[in-house]
Structure formats: C-alpha cells, structure tokens
Amino acid sequence: MQGATRRELTTALDNGEVKRIVRGWYAFRHADQRVVTGIRAGGRVGCLTGCRLHQLWTPKHDVTHVVFGRGSELTPVPGTVLHADEGPQPSSAVWPLLDCLRHVAHRHGMEDALIVAESALHNGLVSPDELRGLSLPGRSSRFLRYLNRAESGSETRVRLFLEQHGVRLLPQVEIPGVGRVDLLVGDNLIIECDSEAHHGSDRDYREDRRRDLAARDLGFDTIRLSYAQIWYQWESTKRSLLRQIRLRRHISRT
C-alpha cells in the first residue's frame, strides 16, 4: 500500500484487507506468497523464482529462491533457498531482472542460465549486449557462447545438448509449406519440442500432423519430443537423440 496514510493502513489491517509481514512491509490478502516469503526471510525474491515472477520460462523448482543483499538480516523460513548477493538489497520486493539472471548464472548450471537468458531475449526484456555486460566470474559466463533464439526452455535444453555434442543445427527455421520449426538438425532432420506439460487442442494436433506430412513430402524427417520426454525422461531421450545422430538421420543421402 505504497503512499497510504496511517489511517488508511490501520483501516485495511482491521478489515483484513492487508496483513503485516515484517516492520515496514504489508501485503494484500491475495499477494503472491513467494514474494511474502522473501520479505519474511529478510531478503528479496530473486534467482530462478525472480525470473519466474519476471514472466520468464524457468525450469521447474519447488522452493522459493530468496536473495539477500549486503547488510541484510536473515530469518530462516521453510521452503526457501537462500543466496547472498554482494550488492545492496533493492527497495522492491523482487530483484531486478538482470540481477535475477546473474543469480542464476552464478548459482546454477549453464543449462539453467541459458534457458532463462534466452527466455528474456525472446520476450524482448533484455538485449544480447546487456547479457554480455553482466558481471559474471569465470565459468558462470560459459552460457553466453551458446546464446541463440528459442521460444521455450524445452527447445533450449535440446539444442544445447546437441550443440555440446558437435551437431550442426539451426534454431527457429522457416520452411516453405511447413512453417517455422524449432530445430533443423543437419540437412533434413526436424526436431519439435513441446514447451508445456499439457496436450494441445485437437486443432493443434491436426496442424502438427499436416506439418509433419508436408515436411515428409519435402524430404525431412520429424522427431516430436513431448514435455515429459524432455524434462522427466531426459536421460533416455538423450540416448535416443544420439542414436539418431549416429545413424546419420540428419545427413542428406542425395
């Protein structure tokens, strides 16, 4: 309730419209509990949870990532992961986006860092120069060499895996008569990556089959990977993808 008078605040508290979190911080009844948790812990929501609140595609995580700035006093709260930041704590309840991206790059693996960075690029929230300008020590900046276009974290995960195995590919390729495909691997292998756990509509299903047949007519093979295959059965999916590469399904035979 920024800008509220003491009387307005007292009335809102009495009516149950808001509740006090800690000294100087109040929350509406329907406030995001991740944000409330961050304030209660003495920090601010950041890292992966901050990226999610900035509307980025993020890998699934079940705990709230709370980042505390220099001089903060912490209060342990169940269900949180605490990270330290050398900079001053922001006055907002969520760390700024670039800081959240920096947290992920510093505290998590290269894959997670690349996923959130490419999501931020796709949403037009940051520029490549801003990402390259992040203060990242040593290995934390490795993801930058793989920075490219992607519409989902599923696509980023599959592309990064193939690129790390030296496979030649292009992301987001427009094929006449087919449309835009997630990945064109080698000469003639299309890989489509589901970004959602749920199934699409019947209309989406029919359109996907039309695209697959049109691609086949043009000499392309198509592999469709479900969300579950990419995120819950990843080890077996990786083995299958490498098997297809060894069979040279992505190399034109003409």
Protein backbone atom coordinates (compact mmCIF):
# COMPACT_ATOMS: atom_id res chain seq x y z
CA MET A 1 0.00 0.00 0.00
CA GLN A 2 2.58 2.49 -1.11
CA GLY A 3 1.50 6.06 -0.33
CA ALA A 4 -1.27 5.02 2.08
CA THR A 5 -1.88 7.16 5.15
CA ARG A 6 -1.57 5.68 8.62
CA ARG A 7 -5.35 5.82 8.99
CA GLU A 8 -5.91 4.02 5.68
CA LEU A 9 -3.39 1.37 6.67
CA THR A 10 -5.00 0.87 10.07
CA THR A 11 -8.43 0.50 8.47
CA ALA A 12 -7.09 -2.01 5.94
CA LEU A 13 -5.47 -4.03 8.71
CA ASP A 14 -8.66 -4.01 10.78
CA ASN A 15 -10.71 -5.11 7.77
CA GLY A 16 -8.30 -7.90 6.95
CA GLU A 17 -7.53 -6.44 3.54
CA VAL A 18 -3.83 -6.39 4.31
CA LYS A 19 -1.54 -8.08 6.81
CA ARG A 20 1.78 -7.08 8.29
CA ILE A 21 4.72 -9.19 7.13
CA VAL A 22 7.63 -7.52 8.91
CA ARG A 23 8.30 -3.99 10.05
CA GLY A 24 7.58 -1.60 7.20
CA TRP A 25 6.12 -4.27 4.89
CA TYR A 26 2.47 -5.15 4.39
CA ALA A 27 0.75 -7.46 1.93
CA PHE A 28 -2.72 -7.69 0.46
CA ARG A 29 -4.62 -10.90 1.16
CA HIS A 30 -4.04 -12.20 -2.36
CA ALA A 31 -0.38 -11.21 -2.59
CA ASP A 32 1.98 -13.74 -4.18
CA GLN A 33 3.17 -15.91 -1.31
CA ARG A 34 6.63 -16.28 -2.86
CA VAL A 35 7.10 -12.53 -2.55
CA VAL A 36 5.75 -12.55 1.01
CA THR A 37 8.14 -15.37 1.87
CA GLY A 38 11.11 -13.43 0.52
CA ILE A 39 10.30 -10.40 2.64
CA ARG A 40 9.67 -12.52 5.71
CA ALA A 41 13.06 -14.18 5.28
CA GLY A 42 14.78 -10.80 5.26
CA GLY A 43 15.72 -10.81 1.60
CA ARG A 44 14.03 -10.36 -1.75
CA VAL A 45 12.81 -12.93 -4.25
CA GLY A 46 15.49 -13.47 -6.89
CA CYS A 47 17.34 -16.13 -8.87
CA LEU A 48 15.01 -18.69 -10.52
CA THR A 49 11.92 -17.57 -8.61
CA GLY A 50 12.63 -13.96 -9.51
CA CYS A 51 12.93 -14.95 -13.16
CA ARG A 52 9.55 -16.68 -12.96
CA LEU A 53 7.99 -13.54 -11.47
CA HIS A 54 9.51 -11.54 -14.32
CA GLN A 55 7.46 -13.82 -16.63
CA LEU A 56 10.38 -15.89 -17.93
CA TRP A 57 10.29 -19.55 -18.89
CA THR A 58 12.07 -21.25 -15.99
CA PRO A 59 12.94 -24.83 -15.12
CA LYS A 60 10.59 -26.29 -12.54
CA HIS A 61 11.62 -25.56 -8.96
CA ASP A 62 9.63 -26.27 -5.82
CA VAL A 63 11.28 -23.88 -3.37
CA THR A 64 11.37 -20.09 -3.27
CA HIS A 65 14.76 -18.62 -4.11
CA VAL A 66 15.46 -15.69 -1.80
CA VAL A 67 18.50 -13.48 -2.36
CA PHE A 68 19.73 -11.20 0.40
CA GLY A 69 21.87 -8.17 -0.27
CA ARG A 70 24.73 -6.72 1.70
CA GLY A 71 23.85 -6.00 5.34
CA SER A 72 20.54 -7.89 5.37
CA GLU A 73 19.33 -9.68 8.48
CA LEU A 74 18.04 -13.16 7.71
CA THR A 75 15.22 -15.12 9.28
CA PRO A 76 15.12 -18.79 8.21
CA VAL A 77 11.81 -19.66 6.54
CA PRO A 78 10.85 -23.22 5.50
CA GLY A 79 10.63 -23.83 1.76
CA THR A 80 13.30 -21.32 0.79
CA VAL A 81 16.78 -21.45 -0.69
CA LEU A 82 18.93 -18.52 0.38
CA HIS A 83 21.58 -16.89 -1.81
CA ALA A 84 23.86 -13.99 -0.97
CA ASP A 85 24.50 -11.00 -3.24
CA GLU A 86 27.38 -8.61 -2.68
CA GLY A 87 25.33 -5.63 -3.81
CA PRO A 88 22.83 -3.60 -1.79
CA GLN A 89 19.37 -5.05 -1.32
CA PRO A 90 16.81 -3.48 -3.67
CA SER A 91 13.91 -1.47 -2.30
CA SER A 92 11.49 -3.51 -4.43
CA ALA A 93 10.14 -6.90 -3.31
CA VAL A 94 11.74 -8.69 -6.29
CA TRP A 95 15.29 -8.27 -7.53
CA PRO A 96 15.58 -6.55 -10.96
CA LEU A 97 15.60 -8.89 -13.94
CA LEU A 98 19.28 -8.56 -14.83
CA ASP A 99 20.19 -9.32 -11.23
CA CYS A 100 17.96 -12.42 -11.28
CA LEU A 101 19.68 -13.61 -14.46
CA ARG A 102 23.06 -13.02 -12.84
CA HIS A 103 21.98 -15.01 -9.77
CA VAL A 104 21.01 -18.00 -11.92
CA ALA A 105 24.25 -17.89 -13.90
CA HIS A 106 26.28 -17.73 -10.71
CA ARG A 107 24.37 -20.28 -8.62
CA HIS A 108 23.09 -22.79 -11.17
CA GLY A 109 24.39 -24.75 -14.13
CA MET A 110 24.96 -23.49 -17.64
CA GLU A 111 21.71 -25.02 -18.91
CA ASP A 112 19.52 -23.15 -16.43
CA ALA A 113 21.37 -19.90 -17.11
CA LEU A 114 20.92 -20.29 -20.86
CA ILE A 115 17.23 -21.14 -20.53
CA VAL A 116 16.32 -18.01 -18.58
CA ALA A 117 18.61 -15.78 -20.66
CA GLU A 118 17.06 -16.93 -23.94
CA SER A 119 13.57 -16.55 -22.48
CA ALA A 120 14.40 -12.95 -21.55
CA LEU A 121 15.68 -12.35 -25.09
CA HIS A 122 12.59 -13.93 -26.63
CA ASN A 123 10.31 -11.74 -24.50
CA GLY A 124 12.24 -8.63 -25.51
CA LEU A 125 13.16 -7.83 -21.91
CA VAL A 126 16.93 -7.70 -22.39
CA SER A 127 19.43 -7.34 -25.23
CA PRO A 128 22.42 -9.59 -26.01
CA ASP A 129 24.71 -6.72 -25.04
CA GLU A 130 23.03 -6.44 -21.64
CA LEU A 131 23.56 -10.14 -21.05
CA ARG A 132 27.19 -9.95 -22.08
CA GLY A 133 27.60 -6.97 -19.78
CA LEU A 134 26.64 -8.94 -16.67
CA SER A 135 29.42 -9.19 -14.09
CA LEU A 136 29.95 -12.95 -14.14
CA PRO A 137 33.04 -14.70 -12.79
CA GLY A 138 34.81 -17.43 -14.76
CA ARG A 139 32.66 -20.44 -15.54
CA SER A 140 29.44 -18.57 -14.79
CA SER A 141 29.66 -16.85 -18.18
CA ARG A 142 30.01 -20.05 -20.25
CA PHE A 143 26.35 -19.99 -21.30
CA LEU A 144 26.96 -16.83 -23.35
CA ARG A 145 28.80 -18.75 -26.07
CA TYR A 146 25.62 -20.74 -26.78
CA LEU A 147 23.23 -17.77 -26.73
CA ASN A 148 20.71 -18.03 -29.58
CA ARG A 149 16.99 -17.87 -30.38
CA ALA A 150 14.48 -20.07 -28.57
CA GLU A 151 10.80 -19.89 -27.75
CA SER A 152 10.91 -22.22 -24.75
CA GLY A 153 13.24 -23.78 -22.25
CA SER A 154 12.47 -27.19 -23.74
CA GLU A 155 13.93 -26.08 -27.04
CA THR A 156 16.97 -24.57 -25.35
CA ARG A 157 17.68 -27.79 -23.46
CA VAL A 158 17.57 -29.97 -26.58
CA ARG A 159 19.58 -27.53 -28.68
CA LEU A 160 22.29 -27.11 -26.05
CA PHE A 161 22.66 -30.87 -25.68
CA LEU A 162 23.12 -31.36 -29.42
CA GLU A 163 25.48 -28.40 -29.79
CA GLN A 164 27.64 -29.70 -26.96
CA HIS A 165 27.97 -32.92 -28.97
CA GLY A 166 29.14 -31.02 -32.03
CA VAL A 167 25.92 -31.41 -34.01
CA ARG A 168 25.26 -28.79 -36.68
CA LEU A 169 21.81 -27.22 -36.38
CA LEU A 170 19.75 -24.07 -36.81
CA PRO A 171 17.01 -22.84 -34.45
CA GLN A 172 13.67 -21.36 -35.49
CA VAL A 173 13.88 -22.12 -39.21
CA GLU A 174 11.08 -21.18 -41.61
CA ILE A 175 10.41 -23.96 -44.15
CA PRO A 176 8.04 -23.07 -47.03
CA GLY A 177 4.88 -25.16 -46.88
CA VAL A 178 5.68 -26.35 -43.36
CA GLY A 179 6.13 -23.23 -41.28
CA ARG A 180 8.63 -22.41 -38.58
CA VAL A 181 10.25 -25.39 -36.89
CA ASP A 182 12.04 -25.43 -33.56
CA LEU A 183 15.28 -27.03 -34.73
CA LEU A 184 16.63 -28.04 -38.12
CA VAL A 185 19.39 -30.53 -37.42
CA GLY A 186 21.91 -31.11 -40.17
CA ASP A 187 20.32 -31.21 -43.61
CA ASN A 188 16.94 -32.81 -43.10
CA LEU A 189 16.03 -33.65 -39.50
CA ILE A 190 13.39 -31.50 -37.81
CA ILE A 191 13.03 -31.63 -34.03
CA GLU A 192 9.94 -30.12 -32.43
CA CYS A 193 9.96 -29.58 -28.66
CA ASP A 194 6.81 -29.34 -26.54
CA SER A 195 7.08 -26.50 -24.04
CA GLU A 196 4.01 -27.38 -21.96
CA ALA A 197 3.10 -30.37 -19.85
CA HIS A 198 -0.47 -30.49 -21.12
CA HIS A 199 -1.68 -31.64 -24.53
CA GLY A 200 -2.66 -29.13 -27.17
CA SER A 201 -6.09 -28.78 -28.71
CA ASP A 202 -7.45 -31.02 -31.45
CA ARG A 203 -6.78 -28.18 -33.86
CA ASP A 204 -3.12 -28.07 -32.80
CA TYR A 205 -2.88 -31.83 -33.17
CA ARG A 206 -4.26 -31.72 -36.72
CA GLU A 207 -1.94 -28.84 -37.66
CA ASP A 208 1.09 -30.70 -36.33
CA ARG A 209 0.22 -33.74 -38.44
CA ARG A 210 -0.25 -31.54 -41.51
CA ARG A 211 3.17 -30.02 -40.94
CA ASP A 212 4.77 -33.43 -40.44
CA LEU A 213 3.35 -34.73 -43.72
CA ALA A 214 4.32 -31.58 -45.60
CA ALA A 215 7.85 -31.87 -44.22
CA ARG A 216 7.98 -35.52 -45.25
CA ASP A 217 6.99 -34.58 -48.80
CA LEU A 218 9.98 -32.22 -48.87
CA GLY A 219 12.39 -34.91 -47.69
CA PHE A 220 12.54 -34.02 -43.99
CA ASP A 221 12.22 -36.43 -41.07
CA THR A 222 10.49 -35.10 -37.96
CA ILE A 223 11.03 -36.03 -34.32
CA ARG A 224 8.47 -34.66 -31.87
CA LEU A 225 9.56 -34.61 -28.24
CA SER A 226 6.95 -34.28 -25.52
CA TYR A 227 7.42 -32.15 -22.42
CA ALA A 228 7.74 -35.33 -20.36
CA GLN A 229 10.44 -36.74 -22.64
CA ILE A 230 12.47 -33.54 -22.30
CA TRP A 231 12.02 -32.95 -18.57
CA TYR A 232 11.12 -36.26 -16.88
CA GLN A 233 12.69 -38.87 -19.19
CA TRP A 234 15.68 -36.82 -20.27
CA GLU A 235 18.36 -39.50 -19.89
CA SER A 236 16.60 -41.94 -22.21
CA THR A 237 15.72 -39.10 -24.60
CA LYS A 238 19.38 -38.08 -24.83
CA ARG A 239 20.37 -41.65 -25.68
CA SER A 240 17.72 -41.80 -28.41
CA LEU A 241 18.82 -38.49 -29.92
CA LEU A 242 22.45 -39.57 -30.03
CA ARG A 243 21.39 -42.85 -31.64
CA GLN A 244 19.64 -40.92 -34.42
CA ILE A 245 22.74 -38.79 -34.93
CA ARG A 246 24.98 -41.86 -35.14
CA LEU A 247 22.59 -43.31 -37.72
CA ARG A 248 23.11 -40.05 -39.64
CA ARG A 249 19.39 -39.42 -39.98
CA HIS A 250 20.20 -35.72 -40.14
CA ILE A 251 22.50 -36.05 -43.16
CA SER A 252 21.07 -35.90 -46.68
CA ARG A 253 21.67 -39.04 -48.70
CA THR A 254 21.48 -37.29 -52.06
